[in-house]
Amino acid sequence: MFLYLVQHAEAKREEEDPQRPLSEKGIKDLKKVAVHVSRLNLKITQIFHSGKVRAKQTAEVLAESLKPAHGVKEIDGLSPLDNPAIWAERLEGITAGIVLVGHLPHLEKLASLLLCGDKDKKIIAFKMGGIICLGRDDDRTWSLQWILAPDVVF
């Protein structure tokens, strides 16, 4: 099973727009990443997002290229301060590839919990609009497969 963790793309500052939708740069960066990963023929069944505008927009842009079988869905447990154990437990019952679009520090804590069992060890530096691919093998062990940041995609 592959899990793709995505920090939302760059958003507007709160002073500019309290809803914090994606900035023009965020949309541009994300589209580059989405086109690049679409060439990898990833098997994505669904994209989940936190419901915040910037996460929803990020999920929708990714869905245009990745074409998840079950679309895009807002779900709880992906907000910035949510307990990463919520998703660590949910993932136990999931066998198909999914994308989680969320926020920091939640995504950092989830990745750390899955990879080393300690949510407080920061072991992955997320980039806005980037994708972290984690794989789970038959013995239920997670490993880092690859990282793609917008600044390395042309």
C-alpha atoms as a PDB file:
ATOM      1  CA  MET A   1       0.000   0.000   0.000  1.00  0.00           C
ATOM      2  CA  PHE A   2       1.222   3.473  -0.823  1.00  0.00           C
ATOM      3  CA  LEU A   3       0.282   6.585   1.104  1.00  0.00           C
ATOM      4  CA  TYR A   4       0.877  10.019  -0.384  1.00  0.00           C
ATOM      5  CA  LEU A   5       1.089  12.901   2.083  1.00  0.00           C
ATOM      6  CA  VAL A   6       0.674  16.398   0.662  1.00  0.00           C
ATOM      7  CA  GLN A   7       1.011  19.679   2.470  1.00  0.00           C
ATOM      8  CA  HIS A   8      -1.355  22.134   0.797  1.00  0.00           C
ATOM      9  CA  ALA A   9       0.239  24.433  -1.777  1.00  0.00           C
ATOM     10  CA  GLU A  10       1.182  28.036  -0.978  1.00  0.00           C
ATOM     11  CA  ALA A  11      -1.838  30.004   0.220  1.00  0.00           C
ATOM     12  CA  LYS A  12      -2.596  33.694   0.423  1.00  0.00           C
ATOM     13  CA  ARG A  13      -1.811  35.409   3.711  1.00  0.00           C
ATOM     14  CA  GLU A  14      -4.670  35.772   6.169  1.00  0.00           C
ATOM     15  CA  GLU A  15      -4.485  39.575   5.862  1.00  0.00           C
ATOM     16  CA  GLU A  16      -5.047  39.242   2.117  1.00  0.00           C
ATOM     17  CA  ASP A  17      -7.931  36.759   2.415  1.00  0.00           C
ATOM     18  CA  PRO A  18      -9.095  35.246   5.741  1.00  0.00           C
ATOM     19  CA  GLN A  19     -10.190  32.046   3.946  1.00  0.00           C
ATOM     20  CA  ARG A  20      -6.582  31.551   2.762  1.00  0.00           C
ATOM     21  CA  PRO A  21      -7.185  30.138  -0.735  1.00  0.00           C
ATOM     22  CA  LEU A  22      -4.181  29.118  -2.818  1.00  0.00           C
ATOM     23  CA  SER A  23      -2.003  31.879  -4.198  1.00  0.00           C
ATOM     24  CA  GLU A  24      -1.237  32.106  -7.912  1.00  0.00           C
ATOM     25  CA  LYS A  25       2.234  30.745  -7.196  1.00  0.00           C
ATOM     26  CA  GLY A  26       0.736  27.904  -5.161  1.00  0.00           C
ATOM     27  CA  ILE A  27      -1.572  26.902  -8.005  1.00  0.00           C
ATOM     28  CA  LYS A  28       1.247  27.119 -10.560  1.00  0.00           C
ATOM     29  CA  ASP A  29       3.633  25.035  -8.419  1.00  0.00           C
ATOM     30  CA  LEU A  30       0.964  22.454  -7.667  1.00  0.00           C
ATOM     31  CA  LYS A  31      -0.012  22.030 -11.314  1.00  0.00           C
ATOM     32  CA  LYS A  32       3.633  21.304 -12.181  1.00  0.00           C
ATOM     33  CA  VAL A  33       3.809  18.656  -9.450  1.00  0.00           C
ATOM     34  CA  ALA A  34       0.456  17.144 -10.471  1.00  0.00           C
ATOM     35  CA  VAL A  35       1.465  16.813 -14.127  1.00  0.00           C
ATOM     36  CA  HIS A  36       4.781  15.254 -13.122  1.00  0.00           C
ATOM     37  CA  VAL A  37       3.264  12.637 -10.824  1.00  0.00           C
ATOM     38  CA  SER A  38       0.508  11.817 -13.313  1.00  0.00           C
ATOM     39  CA  ARG A  39       3.270  10.400 -15.533  1.00  0.00           C
ATOM     40  CA  LEU A  40       4.119   7.896 -12.774  1.00  0.00           C
ATOM     41  CA  ASN A  41       0.764   6.123 -13.227  1.00  0.00           C
ATOM     42  CA  LEU A  42       0.100   6.011  -9.494  1.00  0.00           C
ATOM     43  CA  LYS A  43      -2.829   3.872  -8.406  1.00  0.00           C
ATOM     44  CA  ILE A  44      -4.839   6.318  -6.306  1.00  0.00           C
ATOM     45  CA  THR A  45      -8.289   5.315  -5.111  1.00  0.00           C
ATOM     46  CA  GLN A  46      -9.182   8.509  -3.252  1.00  0.00           C
ATOM     47  CA  ILE A  47      -7.887  11.892  -2.180  1.00  0.00           C
ATOM     48  CA  PHE A  48      -8.862  13.087   1.302  1.00  0.00           C
ATOM     49  CA  HIS A  49      -8.494  16.675   2.534  1.00  0.00           C
ATOM     50  CA  SER A  50      -9.064  18.618   5.743  1.00  0.00           C
ATOM     51  CA  GLY A  51     -11.843  20.837   4.453  1.00  0.00           C
ATOM     52  CA  LYS A  52      -9.871  24.069   4.738  1.00  0.00           C
ATOM     53  CA  VAL A  53     -10.059  25.990   1.457  1.00  0.00           C
ATOM     54  CA  ARG A  54      -6.340  25.660   0.671  1.00  0.00           C
ATOM     55  CA  ALA A  55      -6.387  21.886   1.274  1.00  0.00           C
ATOM     56  CA  LYS A  56      -9.569  21.409  -0.755  1.00  0.00           C
ATOM     57  CA  GLN A  57      -8.138  23.372  -3.681  1.00  0.00           C
ATOM     58  CA  THR A  58      -4.892  21.382  -3.482  1.00  0.00           C
ATOM     59  CA  ALA A  59      -6.848  18.111  -3.535  1.00  0.00           C
ATOM     60  CA  GLU A  60      -8.930  19.240  -6.506  1.00  0.00           C
ATOM     61  CA  VAL A  61      -5.880  20.255  -8.567  1.00  0.00           C
ATOM     62  CA  LEU A  62      -4.224  16.898  -7.828  1.00  0.00           C
ATOM     63  CA  ALA A  63      -7.411  15.031  -8.728  1.00  0.00           C
ATOM     64  CA  GLU A  64      -7.475  16.623 -12.182  1.00  0.00           C
ATOM     65  CA  SER A  65      -4.206  14.852 -13.007  1.00  0.00           C
ATOM     66  CA  LEU A  66      -4.308  11.757 -10.778  1.00  0.00           C
ATOM     67  CA  LYS A  67      -7.938  10.831 -11.489  1.00  0.00           C
ATOM     68  CA  PRO A  68      -8.652   8.935  -8.249  1.00  0.00           C
ATOM     69  CA  ALA A  69     -11.254   6.180  -8.699  1.00  0.00           C
ATOM     70  CA  HIS A  70     -13.411   7.452  -5.816  1.00  0.00           C
ATOM     71  CA  GLY A  71     -12.733  11.159  -6.208  1.00  0.00           C
ATOM     72  CA  VAL A  72     -12.028  13.753  -3.552  1.00  0.00           C
ATOM     73  CA  LYS A  73     -13.520  13.807  -0.070  1.00  0.00           C
ATOM     74  CA  GLU A  74     -13.379  16.081   2.965  1.00  0.00           C
ATOM     75  CA  ILE A  75     -12.647  14.128   6.126  1.00  0.00           C
ATOM     76  CA  ASP A  76     -11.843  14.800   9.754  1.00  0.00           C
ATOM     77  CA  GLY A  77      -8.475  14.164  11.389  1.00  0.00           C
ATOM     78  CA  LEU A  78      -6.354  16.207   8.962  1.00  0.00           C
ATOM     79  CA  SER A  79      -6.426  19.643  10.600  1.00  0.00           C
ATOM     80  CA  PRO A  80      -3.160  21.212  11.758  1.00  0.00           C
ATOM     81  CA  LEU A  81      -3.451  20.225  15.426  1.00  0.00           C
ATOM     82  CA  ASP A  82      -5.283  16.896  15.069  1.00  0.00           C
ATOM     83  CA  ASN A  83      -3.833  13.822  16.722  1.00  0.00           C
ATOM     84  CA  PRO A  84      -1.817  11.838  14.130  1.00  0.00           C
ATOM     85  CA  ALA A  85      -2.874   8.591  15.837  1.00  0.00           C
ATOM     86  CA  ILE A  86      -6.336   9.056  14.274  1.00  0.00           C
ATOM     87  CA  TRP A  87      -4.949   8.445  10.792  1.00  0.00           C
ATOM     88  CA  ALA A  88      -2.342   5.923  11.913  1.00  0.00           C
ATOM     89  CA  GLU A  89      -5.242   3.766  13.151  1.00  0.00           C
ATOM     90  CA  ARG A  90      -7.407   4.370  10.070  1.00  0.00           C
ATOM     91  CA  LEU A  91      -4.572   3.330   7.788  1.00  0.00           C
ATOM     92  CA  GLU A  92      -4.519  -0.125   9.373  1.00  0.00           C
ATOM     93  CA  GLY A  93      -7.706  -0.976   7.468  1.00  0.00           C
ATOM     94  CA  ILE A  94      -6.763   0.616   4.143  1.00  0.00           C
ATOM     95  CA  THR A  95      -5.013  -1.416   1.463  1.00  0.00           C
ATOM     96  CA  ALA A  96      -5.351   0.835  -1.589  1.00  0.00           C
ATOM     97  CA  GLY A  97      -3.282   3.902  -2.443  1.00  0.00           C
ATOM     98  CA  ILE A  98      -4.660   7.155  -1.037  1.00  0.00           C
ATOM     99  CA  VAL A  99      -3.616  10.791  -0.813  1.00  0.00           C
ATOM    100  CA  LEU A 100      -3.975  12.842   2.372  1.00  0.00           C
ATOM    101  CA  VAL A 101      -3.897  16.608   1.861  1.00  0.00           C
ATOM    102  CA  GLY A 102      -3.381  18.516   5.054  1.00  0.00           C
ATOM    103  CA  HIS A 103      -1.284  20.873   7.096  1.00  0.00           C
ATOM    104  CA  LEU A 104       1.690  21.194   9.373  1.00  0.00           C
ATOM    105  CA  PRO A 105       2.404  20.188  12.033  1.00  0.00           C
ATOM    106  CA  HIS A 106      -0.068  17.307  11.600  1.00  0.00           C
ATOM    107  CA  LEU A 107       1.527  15.788   8.486  1.00  0.00           C
ATOM    108  CA  GLU A 108       5.028  15.905   9.999  1.00  0.00           C
ATOM    109  CA  LYS A 109       3.756  14.178  13.133  1.00  0.00           C
ATOM    110  CA  LEU A 110       1.851  11.534  11.141  1.00  0.00           C
ATOM    111  CA  ALA A 111       4.882  10.737   8.988  1.00  0.00           C
ATOM    112  CA  SER A 112       7.099  10.467  12.074  1.00  0.00           C
ATOM    113  CA  LEU A 113       4.598   8.257  13.875  1.00  0.00           C
ATOM    114  CA  LEU A 114       4.335   5.884  10.912  1.00  0.00           C
ATOM    115  CA  LEU A 115       8.062   5.768  10.155  1.00  0.00           C
ATOM    116  CA  CYS A 116       9.604   5.618  13.614  1.00  0.00           C
ATOM    117  CA  GLY A 117       6.764   5.310  16.109  1.00  0.00           C
ATOM    118  CA  ASP A 118       7.372   8.741  17.661  1.00  0.00           C
ATOM    119  CA  LYS A 119       5.191  11.624  16.498  1.00  0.00           C
ATOM    120  CA  ASP A 120       7.506  14.170  18.096  1.00  0.00           C
ATOM    121  CA  LYS A 121      10.633  13.293  16.078  1.00  0.00           C
ATOM    122  CA  LYS A 122      10.738  15.524  13.032  1.00  0.00           C
ATOM    123  CA  ILE A 123      12.228  13.309  10.353  1.00  0.00           C
ATOM    124  CA  ILE A 124      10.696  14.722   7.158  1.00  0.00           C
ATOM    125  CA  ALA A 125      10.671  18.363   6.066  1.00  0.00           C
ATOM    126  CA  PHE A 126       7.525  18.999   4.059  1.00  0.00           C
ATOM    127  CA  LYS A 127       7.333  21.577   1.278  1.00  0.00           C
ATOM    128  CA  MET A 128       4.094  23.329   0.359  1.00  0.00           C
ATOM    129  CA  GLY A 129       2.605  21.534  -2.629  1.00  0.00           C
ATOM    130  CA  GLY A 130       5.106  18.692  -2.361  1.00  0.00           C
ATOM    131  CA  ILE A 131       4.347  14.983  -2.103  1.00  0.00           C
ATOM    132  CA  ILE A 132       5.814  12.429   0.288  1.00  0.00           C
ATOM    133  CA  CYS A 133       5.303   8.781  -0.706  1.00  0.00           C
ATOM    134  CA  LEU A 134       5.302   6.205   2.079  1.00  0.00           C
ATOM    135  CA  GLY A 135       5.004   2.487   1.461  1.00  0.00           C
ATOM    136  CA  ARG A 136       3.729  -0.199   3.812  1.00  0.00           C
ATOM    137  CA  ASP A 137       5.033  -3.715   3.292  1.00  0.00           C
ATOM    138  CA  ASP A 138       3.524  -7.080   4.219  1.00  0.00           C
ATOM    139  CA  ASP A 139       4.776  -6.946   7.801  1.00  0.00           C
ATOM    140  CA  ARG A 140       2.958  -3.592   8.295  1.00  0.00           C
ATOM    141  CA  THR A 141       6.205  -1.600   8.354  1.00  0.00           C
ATOM    142  CA  TRP A 142       6.219   1.844   6.753  1.00  0.00           C
ATOM    143  CA  SER A 143       9.157   3.226   4.756  1.00  0.00           C
ATOM    144  CA  LEU A 144       9.891   6.389   2.830  1.00  0.00           C
ATOM    145  CA  GLN A 145       9.704   5.703  -0.918  1.00  0.00           C
ATOM    146  CA  TRP A 146      10.251   9.161  -2.413  1.00  0.00           C
ATOM    147  CA  ILE A 147       9.767  12.912  -1.963  1.00  0.00           C
ATOM    148  CA  LEU A 148       8.851  15.404  -4.667  1.00  0.00           C
ATOM    149  CA  ALA A 149       9.023  19.137  -3.998  1.00  0.00           C
ATOM    150  CA  PRO A 150       7.713  21.797  -6.401  1.00  0.00           C
ATOM    151  CA  ASP A 151      11.136  23.431  -6.738  1.00  0.00           C
ATOM    152  CA  VAL A 152      12.635  20.313  -8.377  1.00  0.00           C
ATOM    153  CA  VAL A 153       9.926  19.935 -11.051  1.00  0.00           C
ATOM    154  CA  PHE A 154      10.373  21.822 -14.305  1.00  0.00           C
END
